[in-house]
Amino acid sequence: MSILKQSFIYICVAMAVLISWIIKINRQPNELSTLRHYFNCDFKVVIPIAVRFNNENFILPDLIQAAQMQINEELRALDVQHLGLVLVDDLHVGNVSQGYMMDLILHHENSLGISSDSLQVAIFYTLESIHSNDLPFFLAQTVLYHFLNGEVDLFSRPESEDFENELEFEIGFGQAVNKTRTLDVLRTIEKLATAVKYITLLRWTINNKLVSGKDEVVINFPGRLSKTMKGDSNTAFKIQTILEDQLQLPSRPRNNLSVRLLASYRKKTVSNIKQLLDKLDEGKESGKLINQLTRLVADVGQSQNISWLGYLERSQDMLLKLNEAMYGSSERGMA
């Protein structure tokens, strides 16, 4: 075989290896670019809300469509990202939904009531609201500014106001504070800490030196805030309210923590996905992690699940693994 022919073969082999290598190193950025484009431009958290008549049935063919248009326009005006609130026409079906539900109840005045222990809101409306065509407005306002205001609040926040990874505080009890009430406060803290552990990690210590009055309870967030209150039957509720505010949980609906937690799980999951996309863009990723992220985005994009806690756990685990690979640290959400 001539030297020229051998050289040509070697060049062809080298070119084949080089092309294979180029394809391999370029594959992941291309996948990331496609995934990132989808996330930035098309990805939405879609939340269906069933609407039904409760005590009277009226033929209002444009009700759902008119209310939906107002919801969509308001979300655009508020520049809410990655969120779709979709009304589902169950007006004449009467099914009891396992998800979010709005009951329309004919009444002598217009008002609303949000359940404290379920995903349900009652809209009380009058015949006049039908005649004046105000009912679509009532539906839209209830969804946006009361029932699912937590989603609207969280998904319109700038990145600088994302949930913190950790929140540290001290709590102290005066000597005269009833032991039962002390335990009630501590159980309340434990319960909330469990509920938000994938959103923000609560770390606290008991420091009775904070207290000067014998019947006082003090909660202190070093360098941020300190609150003193009398130890009574409302102390546990007050402590929980303070913690919710410091955790930056949405404020509405105040009487239903479950609704606000579900909103927070969704927002934290989406924030984690964005962090993963940003960090993977730095070129220190693995193909396995990209595939996992692609599956996660696909799963949440078509999810009908009420709770996203499972998705949140998955995204948190992926962040931990990526941080360990990039920084040698397992800190959550490490920048």
Protein backbone atom coordinates (compact mmCIF):
# COMPACT_ATOMS: atom_id res chain seq x y z
CA MET A 1 0.00 0.00 0.00
CA SER A 2 1.43 3.37 -0.99
CA ILE A 3 2.32 6.00 1.57
CA LEU A 4 -0.17 8.37 -0.04
CA LYS A 5 -2.96 5.81 0.27
CA GLN A 6 -2.03 5.05 3.89
CA SER A 7 -2.00 8.74 4.72
CA PHE A 8 -5.42 9.15 3.14
CA ILE A 9 -6.80 6.28 5.25
CA TYR A 10 -5.30 7.72 8.42
CA ILE A 11 -6.80 11.13 7.60
CA CYS A 12 -10.23 9.56 7.01
CA VAL A 13 -10.06 7.66 10.29
CA ALA A 14 -8.93 10.78 12.13
CA MET A 15 -11.73 12.80 10.55
CA ALA A 16 -14.28 10.15 11.54
CA VAL A 17 -13.05 10.19 15.14
CA LEU A 18 -12.98 14.00 15.19
CA ILE A 19 -16.49 14.29 13.76
CA SER A 20 -17.75 11.74 16.31
CA TRP A 21 -16.08 13.72 19.11
CA ILE A 22 -17.50 17.04 17.88
CA ILE A 23 -20.98 15.56 17.70
CA LYS A 24 -20.60 14.18 21.22
CA ILE A 25 -19.45 17.46 22.81
CA ASN A 26 -22.04 19.49 20.94
CA ARG A 27 -24.97 17.21 21.66
CA GLN A 28 -25.60 18.37 25.22
CA PRO A 29 -25.46 22.13 24.56
CA ASN A 30 -27.89 21.64 21.67
CA GLU A 31 -30.25 19.72 23.93
CA LEU A 32 -29.85 22.40 26.58
CA SER A 33 -30.48 25.15 24.07
CA THR A 34 -33.71 23.49 22.93
CA LEU A 35 -34.84 22.82 26.49
CA ARG A 36 -33.99 26.34 27.59
CA HIS A 37 -35.88 27.85 24.66
CA TYR A 38 -38.94 25.77 25.52
CA PHE A 39 -38.72 26.74 29.18
CA ASN A 40 -38.32 30.46 28.48
CA CYS A 41 -40.91 30.74 25.71
CA ASP A 42 -43.52 27.99 26.06
CA PHE A 43 -43.37 26.36 29.49
CA LYS A 44 -46.37 26.97 31.74
CA VAL A 45 -47.67 25.66 35.02
CA VAL A 46 -51.30 24.95 34.11
CA ILE A 47 -53.80 24.81 36.98
CA PRO A 48 -57.35 23.69 36.16
CA ILE A 49 -60.20 25.11 38.26
CA ALA A 50 -63.56 23.40 38.01
CA VAL A 51 -66.60 25.72 38.03
CA ARG A 52 -70.08 24.43 38.86
CA PHE A 53 -73.50 25.69 39.88
CA ASN A 54 -74.39 24.65 43.39
CA ASN A 55 -78.03 25.45 44.12
CA GLU A 56 -79.39 26.85 40.84
CA ASN A 57 -78.64 26.12 37.20
CA PHE A 58 -78.64 28.89 34.60
CA ILE A 59 -77.89 28.64 30.89
CA LEU A 60 -74.93 31.00 30.55
CA PRO A 61 -73.04 29.74 27.49
CA ASP A 62 -70.40 32.51 27.52
CA LEU A 63 -69.69 32.58 31.25
CA ILE A 64 -66.54 30.43 31.30
CA GLN A 65 -65.13 31.92 28.11
CA ALA A 66 -65.70 35.51 29.25
CA ALA A 67 -64.15 34.87 32.68
CA GLN A 68 -61.19 33.06 31.09
CA MET A 69 -60.49 35.98 28.79
CA GLN A 70 -60.37 38.35 31.76
CA ILE A 71 -58.03 36.02 33.65
CA ASN A 72 -55.66 35.73 30.67
CA GLU A 73 -55.63 39.49 30.06
CA GLU A 74 -54.93 40.22 33.72
CA LEU A 75 -52.08 37.70 33.88
CA ARG A 76 -50.50 39.34 30.84
CA ALA A 77 -50.96 42.80 32.34
CA LEU A 78 -49.32 41.67 35.59
CA ASP A 79 -46.45 40.08 33.61
CA VAL A 80 -46.95 36.74 35.35
CA GLN A 81 -44.46 34.20 33.97
CA HIS A 82 -44.96 30.46 33.42
CA LEU A 83 -48.51 30.35 34.80
CA GLY A 84 -51.84 29.39 33.28
CA LEU A 85 -55.06 29.41 35.32
CA VAL A 86 -57.68 27.51 33.34
CA LEU A 87 -61.40 27.40 34.15
CA VAL A 88 -63.06 24.04 33.49
CA ASP A 89 -66.77 24.05 32.60
CA ASP A 90 -68.48 21.75 35.08
CA LEU A 91 -71.47 24.08 35.39
CA HIS A 92 -74.12 21.46 34.70
CA VAL A 93 -72.16 18.33 35.57
CA GLY A 94 -72.19 18.65 39.35
CA ASN A 95 -69.11 16.48 39.84
CA VAL A 96 -67.09 16.90 43.00
CA SER A 97 -63.55 17.66 41.85
CA GLN A 98 -60.48 16.41 43.70
CA GLY A 99 -58.72 19.57 42.58
CA TYR A 100 -59.52 23.25 42.74
CA MET A 101 -63.26 23.99 42.62
CA MET A 102 -65.46 27.07 42.49
CA ASP A 103 -69.06 26.68 43.63
CA LEU A 104 -71.51 29.25 42.29
CA ILE A 105 -74.29 29.82 44.82
CA LEU A 106 -77.28 32.06 44.16
CA HIS A 107 -77.63 34.43 47.12
CA HIS A 108 -79.11 37.75 48.14
CA GLU A 109 -75.70 39.50 47.94
CA ASN A 110 -72.39 39.14 46.18
CA SER A 111 -69.58 37.71 48.31
CA LEU A 112 -67.17 34.80 48.53
CA GLY A 113 -65.89 32.28 51.05
CA ILE A 114 -62.71 30.22 50.81
CA SER A 115 -62.61 26.89 52.60
CA SER A 116 -59.97 26.59 55.30
CA ASP A 117 -59.41 22.86 54.83
CA SER A 118 -60.07 22.06 51.15
CA LEU A 119 -59.34 23.39 47.66
CA GLN A 120 -62.75 24.96 47.34
CA VAL A 121 -64.20 28.47 47.13
CA ALA A 122 -67.86 29.50 47.17
CA ILE A 123 -68.92 32.50 45.07
CA PHE A 124 -72.23 33.94 46.22
CA TYR A 125 -73.87 35.88 43.41
CA THR A 126 -77.17 37.66 42.81
CA LEU A 127 -79.59 37.68 39.89
CA GLU A 128 -78.57 41.28 39.32
CA SER A 129 -74.97 40.16 38.69
CA ILE A 130 -76.26 37.93 35.89
CA HIS A 131 -78.43 40.67 34.37
CA SER A 132 -75.56 43.18 34.49
CA ASN A 133 -73.08 40.58 33.18
CA ASP A 134 -70.84 40.99 36.22
CA LEU A 135 -70.54 37.29 37.03
CA PRO A 136 -67.52 36.69 34.72
CA PHE A 137 -65.75 39.56 36.50
CA PHE A 138 -66.52 38.02 39.90
CA LEU A 139 -65.08 34.68 38.79
CA ALA A 140 -61.89 36.22 37.41
CA GLN A 141 -61.31 38.44 40.45
CA THR A 142 -61.90 35.54 42.85
CA VAL A 143 -59.33 33.37 41.08
CA LEU A 144 -56.69 36.07 40.65
CA TYR A 145 -56.90 38.04 43.88
CA HIS A 146 -58.29 35.62 46.43
CA PHE A 147 -58.43 31.88 45.74
CA LEU A 148 -55.20 31.40 43.73
CA ASN A 149 -53.58 34.72 44.51
CA GLY A 150 -50.64 32.75 45.90
CA GLU A 151 -49.74 31.56 42.40
CA VAL A 152 -50.17 35.04 40.93
CA ASP A 153 -48.02 36.55 43.69
CA LEU A 154 -45.20 34.00 43.46
CA PHE A 155 -45.01 33.75 39.67
CA SER A 156 -44.86 37.53 39.29
CA ARG A 157 -42.02 37.98 41.80
CA PRO A 158 -38.54 38.87 40.50
CA GLU A 159 -35.77 36.31 40.94
CA SER A 160 -34.27 38.42 43.72
CA GLU A 161 -37.33 37.57 45.83
CA ASP A 162 -37.12 33.79 45.46
CA PHE A 163 -37.41 31.69 48.59
CA GLU A 164 -34.32 31.59 50.79
CA ASN A 165 -32.55 28.27 51.16
CA GLU A 166 -32.38 28.53 54.97
CA LEU A 167 -34.02 30.55 57.72
CA GLU A 168 -32.48 30.68 61.20
CA PHE A 169 -34.13 31.96 64.34
CA GLU A 170 -34.20 31.69 68.13
CA ILE A 171 -37.21 31.34 70.38
CA GLY A 172 -37.39 31.92 74.12
CA PHE A 173 -40.03 31.29 76.77
CA GLY A 174 -40.51 33.07 80.08
CA GLN A 175 -40.55 31.01 83.28
CA ALA A 176 -44.27 31.61 83.81
CA VAL A 177 -45.33 30.46 80.32
CA ASN A 178 -47.52 27.38 80.60
CA LYS A 179 -45.60 24.22 79.60
CA THR A 180 -48.54 23.04 77.50
CA ARG A 181 -48.45 26.28 75.52
CA THR A 182 -44.69 25.95 75.11
CA LEU A 183 -45.13 22.48 73.65
CA ASP A 184 -47.93 23.75 71.42
CA VAL A 185 -45.62 26.40 69.98
CA LEU A 186 -42.80 23.90 69.42
CA ARG A 187 -45.16 21.41 67.73
CA THR A 188 -46.42 24.22 65.47
CA ILE A 189 -42.85 25.05 64.47
CA GLU A 190 -42.02 21.39 63.83
CA LYS A 191 -45.13 20.92 61.68
CA LEU A 192 -44.40 24.00 59.59
CA ALA A 193 -40.73 23.04 59.24
CA THR A 194 -41.76 19.65 57.83
CA ALA A 195 -44.20 21.27 55.38
CA VAL A 196 -41.60 23.70 54.00
CA LYS A 197 -38.45 21.59 54.22
CA TYR A 198 -38.06 21.43 50.42
CA ILE A 199 -38.76 25.16 50.09
CA THR A 200 -36.68 26.61 52.94
CA LEU A 201 -34.81 24.75 55.65
CA LEU A 202 -35.80 26.03 59.11
CA ARG A 203 -33.08 26.02 61.75
CA TRP A 204 -33.84 27.18 65.27
CA THR A 205 -32.61 27.07 68.84
CA ILE A 206 -34.34 27.65 72.17
CA ASN A 207 -32.76 30.62 73.95
CA ASN A 208 -34.65 31.64 77.07
CA LYS A 209 -32.11 34.42 77.73
CA LEU A 210 -33.99 36.46 75.11
CA VAL A 211 -36.91 36.87 77.52
CA SER A 212 -37.13 39.55 80.17
CA GLY A 213 -40.76 39.11 81.24
CA LYS A 214 -41.84 35.93 83.00
CA ASP A 215 -44.97 35.42 80.87
CA GLU A 216 -43.45 36.45 77.52
CA VAL A 217 -42.42 34.58 74.39
CA VAL A 218 -39.75 36.04 72.11
CA ILE A 219 -38.89 34.99 68.56
CA ASN A 220 -35.70 36.47 67.13
CA PHE A 221 -34.31 36.38 63.58
CA PRO A 222 -30.69 37.60 64.09
CA GLY A 223 -30.00 40.82 62.22
CA ARG A 224 -33.55 40.97 60.87
CA LEU A 225 -36.44 40.98 63.29
CA SER A 226 -37.39 40.33 66.90
CA LYS A 227 -40.95 39.96 68.23
CA THR A 228 -42.13 39.79 71.83
CA MET A 229 -45.61 38.60 72.80
CA LYS A 230 -47.51 37.42 75.84
CA GLY A 231 -47.68 33.67 76.24
CA ASP A 232 -51.37 32.84 75.81
CA SER A 233 -53.70 30.60 73.80
CA ASN A 234 -52.95 32.54 70.59
CA THR A 235 -49.16 32.35 70.82
CA ALA A 236 -48.74 29.34 68.53
CA PHE A 237 -50.86 30.97 65.83
CA LYS A 238 -48.91 34.24 66.14
CA ILE A 239 -45.58 32.42 65.88
CA GLN A 240 -46.74 30.53 62.79
CA THR A 241 -47.91 33.76 61.15
CA ILE A 242 -44.55 35.42 61.82
CA LEU A 243 -42.69 32.42 60.40
CA GLU A 244 -44.87 32.31 57.29
CA ASP A 245 -44.13 35.98 56.63
CA GLN A 246 -40.37 35.48 57.13
CA LEU A 247 -40.48 32.44 54.84
CA GLN A 248 -42.04 34.70 52.19
CA LEU A 249 -44.98 32.39 51.71
CA PRO A 250 -47.83 34.07 49.81
CA SER A 251 -50.26 35.89 52.08
CA ARG A 252 -53.52 34.80 50.41
CA PRO A 253 -55.69 33.01 51.17
CA ARG A 254 -54.62 33.56 54.77
CA ASN A 255 -57.10 31.01 56.15
CA ASN A 256 -55.83 28.13 53.99
CA LEU A 257 -52.16 27.21 54.40
CA SER A 258 -52.51 24.17 52.12
CA VAL A 259 -53.44 26.31 49.12
CA ARG A 260 -50.47 28.60 49.79
CA LEU A 261 -48.09 25.67 50.24
CA LEU A 262 -49.19 24.09 46.96
CA ALA A 263 -48.43 27.40 45.23
CA SER A 264 -45.03 27.52 46.92
CA TYR A 265 -44.15 23.96 45.86
CA ARG A 266 -44.88 24.86 42.25
CA LYS A 267 -42.88 28.08 42.34
CA LYS A 268 -39.89 26.46 44.07
CA THR A 269 -39.88 23.64 41.51
CA VAL A 270 -39.85 26.12 38.63
CA SER A 271 -37.09 28.15 40.32
CA ASN A 272 -35.04 24.96 40.74
CA ILE A 273 -35.51 24.08 37.07
CA LYS A 274 -34.26 27.53 36.07
CA GLN A 275 -31.23 27.15 38.36
CA LEU A 276 -30.45 23.80 36.80
CA LEU A 277 -30.68 25.22 33.29
CA ASP A 278 -28.42 28.13 34.24
CA LYS A 279 -25.81 25.92 35.86
CA LEU A 280 -25.90 23.27 33.17
CA ASP A 281 -25.27 26.01 30.63
CA GLU A 282 -21.88 26.49 32.25
CA GLY A 283 -20.74 23.31 30.54
CA LYS A 284 -20.05 21.22 33.66
CA GLU A 285 -23.06 18.99 33.18
CA SER A 286 -23.51 15.29 32.62
CA GLY A 287 -25.70 13.70 29.99
CA LYS A 288 -27.58 11.76 32.63
CA LEU A 289 -28.55 14.93 34.48
CA ILE A 290 -29.72 16.61 31.28
CA ASN A 291 -31.92 13.62 30.51
CA GLN A 292 -33.37 13.73 34.03
CA LEU A 293 -34.08 17.44 33.69
CA THR A 294 -35.73 16.95 30.31
CA ARG A 295 -38.02 14.29 31.81
CA LEU A 296 -38.83 16.53 34.78
CA VAL A 297 -39.76 19.49 32.55
CA ALA A 298 -41.92 17.20 30.42
CA ASP A 299 -43.62 15.73 33.49
CA VAL A 300 -44.47 19.05 35.12
CA GLY A 301 -45.49 20.57 31.79
CA GLN A 302 -48.27 18.02 31.37
CA SER A 303 -48.99 17.38 35.03
CA GLN A 304 -52.51 17.13 36.39
CA ASN A 305 -51.23 16.53 39.92
CA ILE A 306 -52.53 18.87 42.59
CA SER A 307 -49.37 18.62 44.69
CA TRP A 308 -45.96 19.15 43.12
CA LEU A 309 -44.09 17.96 46.18
CA GLY A 310 -42.76 14.94 44.28
CA TYR A 311 -41.48 17.15 41.45
CA LEU A 312 -39.96 19.52 44.00
CA GLU A 313 -38.08 16.65 45.65
CA ARG A 314 -36.76 15.52 42.26
CA SER A 315 -35.55 19.01 41.33
CA GLN A 316 -33.96 19.49 44.75
CA ASP A 317 -32.12 16.17 44.47
CA MET A 318 -30.82 17.13 41.02
CA LEU A 319 -29.55 20.46 42.35
CA LEU A 320 -27.73 18.72 45.20
CA LYS A 321 -26.03 16.33 42.77
CA LEU A 322 -25.05 19.13 40.40
CA ASN A 323 -23.67 21.28 43.21
CA GLU A 324 -21.61 18.36 44.47
CA ALA A 325 -20.22 17.80 40.97
CA MET A 326 -19.50 21.49 40.34
CA TYR A 327 -18.46 22.80 43.74
CA GLY A 328 -17.83 19.75 45.87
CA SER A 329 -20.71 20.94 48.07
CA SER A 330 -24.14 19.54 48.85
CA GLU A 331 -25.57 22.91 49.88
CA ARG A 332 -29.05 23.45 48.48
CA GLY A 333 -29.36 26.06 45.76
CA MET A 334 -25.72 27.10 46.16
CA ALA A 335 -24.91 30.02 43.86
